[in-house]
Amino acid sequence: MFRASRAVVLSLALVALVVPFATVAANADPLPEQYGTSTGIRSELTNPGGSLPGANDFECRTTAEHPRPVVLVHGTTGGQQITWGPYVPMLKNAGYCVFTLTYGAIPGPWPISAIGGMRPIEGSAREVGALVDRVLAATGAATVDIVGHSQGTIVPEYYAKVLGGQARITNYVSLAPLWLGTKALGSNRGLLDLRDVLRLPDTAFPICQACGQFAAGSTFVDTINADGTPYVKGIRYTNIGTRHDEQVVPYTQGMVPGPPGYDVTNIVVQDGCEQDDSDHVALTESKRAGYLVLNALDPAHPRAVPCE
């Protein structure tokens, strides 16, 4: 979140290289599933600004087994291809209609346009809402399921809680959630204290205007928790975190219990698998995290979750 993710560092470095990458046929059935790799980066390099194979097929129709499309929402410095290389084929092969977007990107030519989650979250939430509306209209589904990572856990929540999108969401699965904001700026609130002294808005951070918004104690975080909980009654939440998260600090900032009457499940990937060393970004690359997501989306048909 505050430092560039591994995906962005790799993508910007690889842009300068002339390396032939084999593209995956969009009509491959099943799609190849690769975890712990940079498949999303390779797709971004071979198809700049495009979609991963299996994603954003607006001809896709939901089934009785999987009646809701899944919308994937990346985190800060992520993108629709960079972040979701392992998840799109996993979900598509499982029978879901899968949709992605790159929200909040800084205007400019590629590859700048591929780095999302940088602009104010309120506008990003409207981008997510617009995609949800388009997906529902195209598929005929009544609601979607959301899978978000990092900043992508609170952007859709602002859409649900503040912009009125709650009736369009059934399952809400959050990887490295930011419900109470991160204290990665320091226990003394670091740059937020300087912001307050200068009477600046949360969005005053340079380049990444969203970065001040997901810090603990920010006006934005206070807004989504204004009624004492970050959640919306009627949505089924699953929070998936890691004890090794170096960007949501402490990781328990996202492991928030739901009040009585709310449907909230908190999962830490090390529970039952102490050797899992996933950090913040690795939750989008991990087969263990991915299968936890599949089980959250379809709890009636659980899969064995690997421990690697």
Protein backbone atom coordinates (compact mmCIF):
# COMPACT_ATOMS: atom_id res chain seq x y z
CA MET A 1 0.00 0.00 0.00
CA PHE A 2 2.59 2.58 1.02
CA ARG A 3 5.48 0.94 -0.76
CA ALA A 4 5.15 -0.38 -4.29
CA SER A 5 3.84 -3.94 -4.41
CA ARG A 6 6.03 -6.68 -5.82
CA ALA A 7 3.71 -6.87 -8.81
CA VAL A 8 4.22 -3.21 -9.72
CA VAL A 9 7.98 -3.36 -9.24
CA LEU A 10 8.16 -6.41 -11.48
CA SER A 11 5.82 -4.98 -14.09
CA LEU A 12 7.69 -1.72 -14.45
CA ALA A 13 11.00 -3.55 -14.65
CA LEU A 14 9.73 -5.99 -17.25
CA VAL A 15 8.25 -3.28 -19.46
CA ALA A 16 11.77 -2.37 -20.51
CA LEU A 17 12.63 -5.92 -21.50
CA VAL A 18 11.94 -7.47 -24.85
CA VAL A 19 10.89 -10.92 -23.73
CA PRO A 20 8.55 -13.14 -25.73
CA PHE A 21 5.69 -14.40 -23.62
CA ALA A 22 3.25 -17.00 -24.86
CA THR A 23 -0.31 -15.78 -24.65
CA VAL A 24 -3.00 -18.05 -23.29
CA ALA A 25 -5.89 -18.67 -25.62
CA ALA A 26 -9.01 -17.01 -24.27
CA ASN A 27 -11.09 -20.01 -25.25
CA ALA A 28 -8.87 -22.58 -23.48
CA ASP A 29 -10.96 -24.97 -21.40
CA PRO A 30 -9.90 -25.31 -18.71
CA LEU A 31 -7.67 -22.30 -18.28
CA PRO A 32 -4.22 -23.03 -16.84
CA GLU A 33 -4.06 -22.27 -13.12
CA GLN A 34 -0.74 -21.02 -11.79
CA TYR A 35 -0.27 -19.90 -8.20
CA GLY A 36 2.64 -17.98 -6.74
CA THR A 37 3.67 -16.73 -10.16
CA SER A 38 3.56 -13.50 -12.10
CA THR A 39 0.97 -14.63 -14.63
CA GLY A 40 -0.93 -11.36 -14.31
CA ILE A 41 2.17 -9.33 -15.10
CA ARG A 42 2.86 -11.41 -18.21
CA SER A 43 -0.71 -10.85 -19.39
CA GLU A 44 -0.40 -7.10 -18.85
CA LEU A 45 2.80 -7.02 -20.90
CA THR A 46 1.37 -9.03 -23.79
CA ASN A 47 -2.06 -7.38 -23.70
CA PRO A 48 -1.54 -3.84 -22.35
CA GLY A 49 -4.67 -2.47 -20.71
CA GLY A 50 -6.63 -5.60 -21.51
CA SER A 51 -8.34 -8.32 -19.51
CA LEU A 52 -7.09 -11.69 -18.36
CA PRO A 53 -8.29 -14.71 -20.34
CA GLY A 54 -11.59 -15.74 -18.78
CA ALA A 55 -12.44 -12.30 -17.39
CA ASN A 56 -14.93 -9.69 -18.58
CA ASP A 57 -16.92 -11.94 -20.86
CA PHE A 58 -20.20 -10.03 -20.97
CA GLU A 59 -21.76 -12.92 -22.88
CA CYS A 60 -21.21 -15.17 -19.84
CA ARG A 61 -24.37 -16.48 -18.23
CA THR A 62 -24.62 -17.59 -14.65
CA THR A 63 -25.75 -21.11 -13.73
CA ALA A 64 -27.92 -22.65 -11.06
CA GLU A 65 -24.73 -23.85 -9.34
CA HIS A 66 -23.14 -20.39 -9.46
CA PRO A 67 -25.95 -17.86 -9.85
CA ARG A 68 -23.88 -14.75 -9.10
CA PRO A 69 -21.04 -13.18 -11.10
CA VAL A 70 -17.84 -12.50 -9.17
CA VAL A 71 -16.31 -9.01 -9.32
CA LEU A 72 -12.61 -8.82 -8.39
CA VAL A 73 -11.38 -5.52 -6.89
CA HIS A 74 -7.60 -5.02 -6.64
CA GLY A 75 -5.65 -3.00 -4.07
CA THR A 76 -3.33 0.00 -4.17
CA THR A 77 -0.93 -0.07 -7.15
CA GLY A 78 -2.73 -3.17 -8.44
CA GLY A 79 -4.71 -3.68 -11.61
CA GLN A 80 -7.21 -5.99 -13.24
CA GLN A 81 -4.48 -8.13 -14.81
CA ILE A 82 -1.50 -7.49 -12.52
CA THR A 83 -3.33 -8.59 -9.36
CA TRP A 84 -5.63 -11.39 -10.45
CA GLY A 85 -3.51 -13.72 -12.62
CA PRO A 86 -4.09 -16.78 -10.39
CA TYR A 87 -7.68 -16.00 -9.38
CA VAL A 88 -9.40 -15.45 -12.72
CA PRO A 89 -8.66 -18.92 -14.14
CA MET A 90 -9.39 -20.55 -10.77
CA LEU A 91 -12.83 -18.94 -10.59
CA LYS A 92 -13.59 -19.38 -14.29
CA ASN A 93 -12.70 -23.07 -14.15
CA ALA A 94 -14.96 -23.42 -11.11
CA GLY A 95 -17.88 -22.20 -13.22
CA TYR A 96 -18.15 -18.52 -12.30
CA CYS A 97 -18.60 -15.51 -14.55
CA VAL A 98 -15.64 -13.32 -13.56
CA PHE A 99 -15.26 -9.56 -13.99
CA THR A 100 -12.41 -7.20 -13.22
CA LEU A 101 -11.49 -3.54 -13.54
CA THR A 102 -8.59 -1.19 -12.92
CA TYR A 103 -10.04 1.62 -10.82
CA GLY A 104 -8.49 4.83 -9.58
CA ALA A 105 -5.61 4.88 -12.07
CA ILE A 106 -3.58 8.02 -12.64
CA PRO A 107 -4.45 9.41 -16.08
CA GLY A 108 -1.70 8.81 -18.56
CA PRO A 109 -0.31 6.38 -21.10
CA TRP A 110 0.39 2.73 -20.41
CA PRO A 111 2.01 1.44 -18.18
CA ILE A 112 0.93 4.27 -15.83
CA SER A 113 -2.69 3.51 -16.71
CA ALA A 114 -2.25 -0.08 -15.49
CA ILE A 115 -1.49 0.98 -11.91
CA GLY A 116 -4.75 1.51 -10.05
CA GLY A 117 -5.98 2.42 -6.60
CA MET A 118 -4.23 5.79 -6.57
CA ARG A 119 -7.07 8.30 -6.74
CA PRO A 120 -9.65 9.23 -4.04
CA ILE A 121 -11.65 6.22 -2.90
CA GLU A 122 -15.05 7.89 -3.32
CA GLY A 123 -14.54 8.10 -7.08
CA SER A 124 -13.11 4.58 -7.20
CA ALA A 125 -16.24 3.29 -5.45
CA ARG A 126 -18.36 4.84 -8.18
CA GLU A 127 -16.24 3.04 -10.78
CA VAL A 128 -16.88 -0.26 -9.00
CA GLY A 129 -20.59 0.52 -8.80
CA ALA A 130 -20.73 1.25 -12.52
CA LEU A 131 -19.12 -2.11 -13.28
CA VAL A 132 -21.53 -3.92 -10.95
CA ASP A 133 -24.50 -2.31 -12.72
CA ARG A 134 -23.11 -3.29 -16.12
CA VAL A 135 -22.44 -6.87 -14.99
CA LEU A 136 -25.94 -7.30 -13.57
CA ALA A 137 -27.52 -5.89 -16.72
CA ALA A 138 -25.46 -8.15 -18.98
CA THR A 139 -25.79 -11.39 -17.01
CA GLY A 140 -29.33 -10.98 -15.72
CA ALA A 141 -28.17 -11.84 -12.20
CA ALA A 142 -29.84 -10.20 -9.21
CA THR A 143 -26.64 -9.66 -7.20
CA VAL A 144 -22.87 -10.09 -7.46
CA ASP A 145 -20.23 -11.51 -5.15
CA ILE A 146 -17.25 -9.27 -4.38
CA VAL A 147 -13.67 -10.46 -3.86
CA GLY A 148 -11.37 -7.59 -2.87
CA HIS A 149 -7.76 -7.20 -1.81
CA SER A 150 -6.35 -4.52 0.50
CA GLN A 151 -7.77 -1.14 -0.59
CA GLY A 152 -10.12 -3.22 -2.74
CA THR A 153 -11.87 -4.34 0.45
CA ILE A 154 -13.00 -0.85 1.47
CA VAL A 155 -13.69 0.62 -1.96
CA PRO A 156 -16.70 -1.70 -2.55
CA GLU A 157 -17.80 -1.20 1.05
CA TYR A 158 -18.11 2.54 0.44
CA TYR A 159 -20.21 1.66 -2.61
CA ALA A 160 -22.36 -0.67 -0.50
CA LYS A 161 -22.68 1.42 2.62
CA VAL A 162 -22.61 5.02 1.41
CA LEU A 163 -23.59 4.89 -2.26
CA GLY A 164 -26.51 2.51 -1.78
CA GLY A 165 -25.11 -0.62 -3.41
CA GLN A 166 -25.81 -3.02 -0.53
CA ALA A 167 -28.78 -4.69 -2.26
CA ARG A 168 -26.55 -5.69 -5.19
CA ILE A 169 -24.04 -7.74 -3.14
CA THR A 170 -24.50 -11.20 -1.59
CA ASN A 171 -21.02 -12.48 -0.66
CA TYR A 172 -18.18 -10.11 0.21
CA VAL A 173 -14.78 -11.82 0.50
CA SER A 174 -11.89 -9.64 1.66
CA LEU A 175 -8.19 -10.50 1.38
CA ALA A 176 -6.05 -8.46 3.80
CA PRO A 177 -9.03 -6.27 4.74
CA LEU A 178 -8.63 -2.69 5.92
CA TRP A 179 -11.81 -2.19 7.94
CA LEU A 180 -10.16 -0.17 10.72
CA GLY A 181 -7.39 1.22 8.56
CA THR A 182 -3.70 0.48 8.77
CA LYS A 183 -1.24 1.73 11.36
CA ALA A 184 1.70 1.17 9.03
CA LEU A 185 2.40 4.91 9.19
CA GLY A 186 3.45 4.43 12.79
CA SER A 187 1.85 4.22 16.20
CA ASN A 188 2.01 8.00 16.51
CA ARG A 189 -0.02 8.30 13.28
CA GLY A 190 3.04 9.60 11.44
CA LEU A 191 2.03 11.60 8.39
CA LEU A 192 -1.55 11.86 9.59
CA ASP A 193 -0.38 14.09 12.43
CA LEU A 194 1.35 16.35 9.91
CA ARG A 195 -1.82 16.34 7.83
CA ASP A 196 -3.85 17.47 10.84
CA VAL A 197 -1.40 20.23 11.73
CA LEU A 198 -1.56 21.55 8.16
CA ARG A 199 -5.34 21.03 8.04
CA LEU A 200 -5.07 18.99 4.88
CA PRO A 201 -7.62 16.45 3.62
CA ASP A 202 -6.91 12.71 3.66
CA THR A 203 -6.37 12.90 -0.09
CA ALA A 204 -3.44 15.33 0.25
CA PHE A 205 -0.85 12.56 -0.05
CA PRO A 206 1.19 13.06 -3.24
CA ILE A 207 0.69 10.69 -6.20
CA CYS A 208 -1.40 8.23 -4.16
CA GLN A 209 -4.36 10.28 -3.02
CA ALA A 210 -6.05 7.18 -1.59
CA CYS A 211 -3.15 6.32 0.73
CA GLY A 212 -4.14 8.76 3.47
CA GLN A 213 -7.72 7.56 3.29
CA PHE A 214 -7.06 4.01 4.44
CA ALA A 215 -4.85 4.97 7.38
CA ALA A 216 -6.28 4.31 10.83
CA GLY A 217 -7.94 7.46 12.11
CA SER A 218 -8.63 8.92 8.69
CA THR A 219 -11.91 10.63 7.91
CA PHE A 220 -12.68 7.92 5.36
CA VAL A 221 -12.17 5.04 7.79
CA ASP A 222 -14.26 6.88 10.38
CA THR A 223 -17.02 7.28 7.77
CA ILE A 224 -17.37 3.59 6.97
CA ASN A 225 -17.34 2.79 10.71
CA ALA A 226 -19.66 5.64 11.71
CA ASP A 227 -22.40 3.32 12.98
CA GLY A 228 -19.97 1.23 15.04
CA THR A 229 -19.24 -1.42 12.40
CA PRO A 230 -17.77 -1.45 8.90
CA TYR A 231 -20.35 -4.01 7.79
CA VAL A 232 -23.81 -3.92 6.23
CA LYS A 233 -26.49 -6.27 7.52
CA GLY A 234 -27.67 -8.71 4.89
CA ILE A 235 -24.28 -9.17 3.19
CA ARG A 236 -22.27 -12.31 4.04
CA TYR A 237 -18.66 -11.29 4.83
CA THR A 238 -15.55 -13.47 4.90
CA ASN A 239 -12.30 -11.81 5.95
CA ILE A 240 -9.06 -13.62 5.06
CA GLY A 241 -5.88 -12.26 6.65
CA THR A 242 -2.28 -13.21 7.35
CA ARG A 243 -0.18 -12.72 10.46
CA HIS A 244 2.70 -11.76 8.18
CA ASP A 245 0.93 -8.75 6.70
CA GLU A 246 3.43 -5.90 6.58
CA GLN A 247 1.04 -3.36 5.09
CA VAL A 248 -2.18 -3.83 7.06
CA VAL A 249 -0.63 -3.25 10.49
CA PRO A 250 -1.61 -4.96 12.67
CA TYR A 251 -3.40 -7.55 10.56
CA THR A 252 -6.17 -7.64 13.17
CA GLN A 253 -7.34 -4.27 11.83
CA GLY A 254 -9.19 -6.35 9.25
CA MET A 255 -10.31 -9.18 11.53
CA VAL A 256 -13.27 -7.25 12.93
CA PRO A 257 -16.10 -9.31 14.49
CA GLY A 258 -19.60 -8.61 13.30
CA PRO A 259 -22.26 -7.31 15.69
CA PRO A 260 -25.18 -9.60 16.60
CA GLY A 261 -27.30 -10.27 13.54
CA TYR A 262 -24.45 -9.71 11.07
CA ASP A 263 -22.88 -12.54 9.04
CA VAL A 264 -19.09 -12.21 9.42
CA THR A 265 -16.40 -14.92 9.35
CA ASN A 266 -12.73 -14.17 10.08
CA ILE A 267 -10.01 -16.52 8.78
CA VAL A 268 -6.24 -16.29 9.26
CA VAL A 269 -4.32 -18.36 6.70
CA GLN A 270 -1.86 -19.59 9.36
CA ASP A 271 -4.67 -21.16 11.39
CA GLY A 272 -4.20 -24.86 10.73
CA CYS A 273 -1.15 -24.17 8.54
CA GLU A 274 1.60 -22.49 10.57
CA GLN A 275 4.13 -22.89 7.75
CA ASP A 276 2.15 -20.57 5.47
CA ASP A 277 4.37 -17.50 5.14
CA SER A 278 2.07 -15.43 2.91
CA ASP A 279 2.53 -11.69 3.24
CA HIS A 280 0.18 -8.93 2.11
CA VAL A 281 0.56 -9.37 -1.64
CA ALA A 282 0.93 -13.16 -1.52
CA LEU A 283 -2.73 -13.56 -0.56
CA THR A 284 -3.56 -12.86 -4.22
CA GLU A 285 -1.05 -15.51 -5.37
CA SER A 286 -1.65 -18.28 -2.81
CA LYS A 287 -3.57 -21.45 -3.64
CA ARG A 288 -4.52 -21.76 0.05
CA ALA A 289 -6.05 -18.29 0.08
CA GLY A 290 -7.67 -18.96 -3.28
CA TYR A 291 -9.41 -22.10 -2.07
CA LEU A 292 -10.57 -20.29 1.05
CA VAL A 293 -12.16 -17.79 -1.33
CA LEU A 294 -13.85 -20.58 -3.31
CA ASN A 295 -15.29 -22.01 -0.08
CA ALA A 296 -16.53 -18.59 1.02
CA LEU A 297 -18.32 -18.13 -2.31
CA ASP A 298 -19.83 -21.62 -2.23
CA PRO A 299 -19.94 -22.87 1.37
CA ALA A 300 -22.38 -25.65 0.46
CA HIS A 301 -19.65 -27.40 -1.59
CA PRO A 302 -16.39 -26.95 0.35
CA ARG A 303 -13.07 -27.93 -1.17
CA ALA A 304 -10.05 -29.27 0.70
CA VAL A 305 -7.83 -26.27 1.40
CA PRO A 306 -4.14 -26.97 0.73
CA CYS A 307 -1.39 -26.14 3.22
CA GLU A 308 1.83 -25.23 1.42
